[in-house]
Amino acid sequence: MTDKNPSNRPVIEGVKAKFSRILESLSGLKLRAAIVSKRKPTLFVVFLRAKQALRTLGYIISRKAAIPQP
């Protein structure tokens, strides 16, 4: 998608189809998972994951989609 030669870039329809397949293969919990660096201290990671778990629980209870649809 970032190739300098435009003829080597994929067409948008193919990109949308691939993105849709990837989204369908992931669960709601996976889409809501926190992204945490492996270099962070363990205590910090535990805090971030707890915070993310509470936020995710709130979203699940309020029935918010992991990826909002327009």
N, C-alpha and C. Protein backbone atom coordinates (compact mmCIF):
# COMPACT_ATOMS: atom_id res chain seq x y z
N MET A 1 0.81 -1.20 0.00
CA MET A 1 0.00 0.00 0.00
C MET A 1 0.85 1.26 0.00
N THR A 2 2.10 1.13 0.39
CA THR A 2 2.96 2.31 0.45
C THR A 2 4.08 2.25 -0.58
N ASP A 3 3.96 1.36 -1.55
CA ASP A 3 4.98 1.25 -2.59
C ASP A 3 5.06 2.56 -3.37
N LYS A 4 6.28 2.96 -3.71
CA LYS A 4 6.46 4.21 -4.45
C LYS A 4 5.86 4.13 -5.85
N ASN A 5 5.82 2.92 -6.40
CA ASN A 5 5.25 2.73 -7.72
C ASN A 5 3.75 2.44 -7.57
N PRO A 6 2.89 3.36 -8.01
CA PRO A 6 1.45 3.17 -7.84
C PRO A 6 0.90 1.89 -8.47
N SER A 7 1.53 1.39 -9.53
CA SER A 7 1.01 0.18 -10.17
C SER A 7 1.24 -1.07 -9.30
N ASN A 8 2.12 -0.98 -8.31
CA ASN A 8 2.37 -2.11 -7.42
C ASN A 8 1.47 -2.08 -6.18
N ARG A 9 0.71 -1.02 -6.00
CA ARG A 9 -0.17 -0.90 -4.84
C ARG A 9 -1.47 -1.68 -5.07
N PRO A 10 -2.05 -2.24 -4.03
CA PRO A 10 -3.32 -2.96 -4.20
C PRO A 10 -4.47 -1.99 -4.43
N VAL A 11 -5.52 -2.47 -5.09
CA VAL A 11 -6.70 -1.64 -5.30
C VAL A 11 -7.52 -1.61 -4.02
N ILE A 12 -8.28 -0.56 -3.81
CA ILE A 12 -9.00 -0.37 -2.56
C ILE A 12 -10.00 -1.49 -2.29
N GLU A 13 -10.61 -2.05 -3.31
CA GLU A 13 -11.58 -3.13 -3.11
C GLU A 13 -10.91 -4.35 -2.48
N GLY A 14 -9.69 -4.65 -2.94
CA GLY A 14 -8.95 -5.77 -2.36
C GLY A 14 -8.54 -5.51 -0.92
N VAL A 15 -8.17 -4.27 -0.63
CA VAL A 15 -7.79 -3.90 0.73
C VAL A 15 -9.00 -4.01 1.66
N LYS A 16 -10.15 -3.51 1.20
CA LYS A 16 -11.37 -3.59 2.02
C LYS A 16 -11.77 -5.03 2.27
N ALA A 17 -11.65 -5.89 1.26
CA ALA A 17 -12.02 -7.29 1.41
C ALA A 17 -11.09 -7.99 2.41
N LYS A 18 -9.79 -7.72 2.31
CA LYS A 18 -8.84 -8.35 3.23
C LYS A 18 -9.08 -7.86 4.66
N PHE A 19 -9.33 -6.56 4.82
CA PHE A 19 -9.60 -6.02 6.15
C PHE A 19 -10.86 -6.64 6.73
N SER A 20 -11.89 -6.83 5.93
CA SER A 20 -13.13 -7.46 6.39
C SER A 20 -12.88 -8.89 6.84
N ARG A 21 -12.08 -9.64 6.09
CA ARG A 21 -11.75 -11.02 6.48
C ARG A 21 -11.00 -11.05 7.80
N ILE A 22 -10.08 -10.12 7.98
CA ILE A 22 -9.32 -10.07 9.23
C ILE A 22 -10.25 -9.75 10.39
N LEU A 23 -11.14 -8.78 10.23
CA LEU A 23 -12.09 -8.42 11.29
C LEU A 23 -12.98 -9.59 11.67
N GLU A 24 -13.47 -10.33 10.68
CA GLU A 24 -14.35 -11.46 10.94
C GLU A 24 -13.64 -12.58 11.69
N SER A 25 -12.31 -12.67 11.52
CA SER A 25 -11.58 -13.75 12.17
C SER A 25 -11.25 -13.45 13.63
N LEU A 26 -11.43 -12.20 14.06
CA LEU A 26 -11.10 -11.81 15.43
C LEU A 26 -12.33 -11.74 16.31
N SER A 27 -12.19 -12.19 17.55
CA SER A 27 -13.31 -12.11 18.49
C SER A 27 -13.43 -10.69 19.03
N GLY A 28 -14.56 -10.40 19.64
CA GLY A 28 -14.78 -9.10 20.24
C GLY A 28 -13.77 -8.79 21.33
N LEU A 29 -13.41 -9.82 22.11
CA LEU A 29 -12.42 -9.60 23.17
C LEU A 29 -11.04 -9.32 22.59
N LYS A 30 -10.70 -9.97 21.51
CA LYS A 30 -9.41 -9.72 20.88
C LYS A 30 -9.35 -8.30 20.33
N LEU A 31 -10.46 -7.83 19.76
CA LEU A 31 -10.50 -6.48 19.23
C LEU A 31 -10.41 -5.43 20.33
N ARG A 32 -10.82 -5.80 21.54
CA ARG A 32 -10.79 -4.87 22.67
C ARG A 32 -9.52 -4.99 23.51
N ALA A 33 -8.64 -5.92 23.17
CA ALA A 33 -7.45 -6.18 23.98
C ALA A 33 -6.52 -4.98 24.00
N ALA A 34 -5.88 -4.78 25.14
CA ALA A 34 -4.92 -3.69 25.29
C ALA A 34 -3.64 -4.03 24.55
N ILE A 35 -3.02 -3.01 24.02
CA ILE A 35 -1.73 -3.17 23.37
C ILE A 35 -0.69 -2.66 24.36
N VAL A 36 0.14 -3.57 24.84
CA VAL A 36 1.12 -3.23 25.87
C VAL A 36 2.50 -3.66 25.40
N SER A 37 3.46 -2.79 25.54
CA SER A 37 4.84 -3.09 25.17
C SER A 37 5.42 -4.17 26.09
N LYS A 38 6.21 -5.06 25.52
CA LYS A 38 6.85 -6.10 26.32
C LYS A 38 7.98 -5.53 27.16
N ARG A 39 8.39 -4.31 26.89
CA ARG A 39 9.48 -3.68 27.63
C ARG A 39 9.03 -3.00 28.91
N LYS A 40 7.73 -2.87 29.11
CA LYS A 40 7.21 -2.20 30.30
C LYS A 40 7.44 -3.07 31.54
N PRO A 41 7.63 -2.44 32.69
CA PRO A 41 7.76 -3.21 33.94
C PRO A 41 6.49 -4.01 34.23
N THR A 42 6.65 -5.17 34.84
CA THR A 42 5.54 -6.08 35.08
C THR A 42 4.41 -5.44 35.88
N LEU A 43 4.71 -4.70 36.92
CA LEU A 43 3.67 -4.05 37.73
C LEU A 43 2.87 -3.06 36.91
N PHE A 44 3.56 -2.34 36.05
CA PHE A 44 2.89 -1.38 35.18
C PHE A 44 1.93 -2.09 34.22
N VAL A 45 2.36 -3.21 33.67
CA VAL A 45 1.54 -3.99 32.75
C VAL A 45 0.30 -4.52 33.47
N VAL A 46 0.47 -4.99 34.69
CA VAL A 46 -0.67 -5.50 35.47
C VAL A 46 -1.69 -4.38 35.67
N PHE A 47 -1.22 -3.19 36.01
CA PHE A 47 -2.11 -2.05 36.19
C PHE A 47 -2.85 -1.72 34.89
N LEU A 48 -2.13 -1.67 33.77
CA LEU A 48 -2.76 -1.36 32.49
C LEU A 48 -3.80 -2.40 32.09
N ARG A 49 -3.48 -3.67 32.31
CA ARG A 49 -4.42 -4.73 31.95
C ARG A 49 -5.67 -4.70 32.83
N ALA A 50 -5.51 -4.39 34.10
CA ALA A 50 -6.67 -4.27 34.99
C ALA A 50 -7.55 -3.11 34.55
N LYS A 51 -6.92 -2.01 34.23
CA LYS A 51 -7.66 -0.83 33.76
C LYS A 51 -8.42 -1.16 32.46
N GLN A 52 -7.74 -1.83 31.55
CA GLN A 52 -8.36 -2.22 30.28
C GLN A 52 -9.51 -3.19 30.50
N ALA A 53 -9.35 -4.13 31.42
CA ALA A 53 -10.40 -5.10 31.71
C ALA A 53 -11.66 -4.40 32.23
N LEU A 54 -11.49 -3.43 33.11
CA LEU A 54 -12.65 -2.69 33.63
C LEU A 54 -13.32 -1.88 32.53
N ARG A 55 -12.52 -1.24 31.70
CA ARG A 55 -13.08 -0.45 30.59
C ARG A 55 -13.85 -1.36 29.63
N THR A 56 -13.24 -2.51 29.30
CA THR A 56 -13.88 -3.46 28.39
C THR A 56 -15.18 -3.99 28.97
N LEU A 57 -15.18 -4.30 30.25
CA LEU A 57 -16.40 -4.78 30.90
C LEU A 57 -17.51 -3.73 30.80
N GLY A 58 -17.17 -2.48 31.01
CA GLY A 58 -18.15 -1.41 30.86
C GLY A 58 -18.71 -1.33 29.45
N TYR A 59 -17.84 -1.49 28.44
CA TYR A 59 -18.30 -1.46 27.05
C TYR A 59 -19.21 -2.66 26.74
N ILE A 60 -18.85 -3.82 27.28
CA ILE A 60 -19.66 -5.01 27.04
C ILE A 60 -21.03 -4.87 27.70
N ILE A 61 -21.05 -4.37 28.92
CA ILE A 61 -22.32 -4.17 29.63
C ILE A 61 -23.20 -3.16 28.91
N SER A 62 -22.59 -2.10 28.40
CA SER A 62 -23.37 -1.08 27.68
C SER A 62 -23.62 -1.46 26.23
N ARG A 63 -23.15 -2.64 25.82
CA ARG A 63 -23.38 -3.19 24.48
C ARG A 63 -22.80 -2.33 23.37
N LYS A 64 -21.66 -1.72 23.63
CA LYS A 64 -20.97 -0.95 22.58
C LYS A 64 -20.15 -1.90 21.72
N ALA A 65 -20.17 -1.67 20.44
CA ALA A 65 -19.43 -2.52 19.51
C ALA A 65 -17.93 -2.30 19.66
N ALA A 66 -17.15 -3.36 19.45
CA ALA A 66 -15.70 -3.24 19.54
C ALA A 66 -15.19 -2.28 18.46
N ILE A 67 -15.77 -2.36 17.28
CA ILE A 67 -15.46 -1.43 16.20
C ILE A 67 -16.79 -0.82 15.75
N PRO A 68 -17.00 0.46 16.05
CA PRO A 68 -18.28 1.11 15.70
C PRO A 68 -18.51 1.12 14.18
N GLN A 69 -19.72 0.90 13.80
CA GLN A 69 -20.12 0.95 12.40
C GLN A 69 -20.77 2.30 12.12
N PRO A 70 -20.48 2.89 10.97
CA PRO A 70 -21.07 4.21 10.64
C PRO A 70 -22.55 4.13 10.41
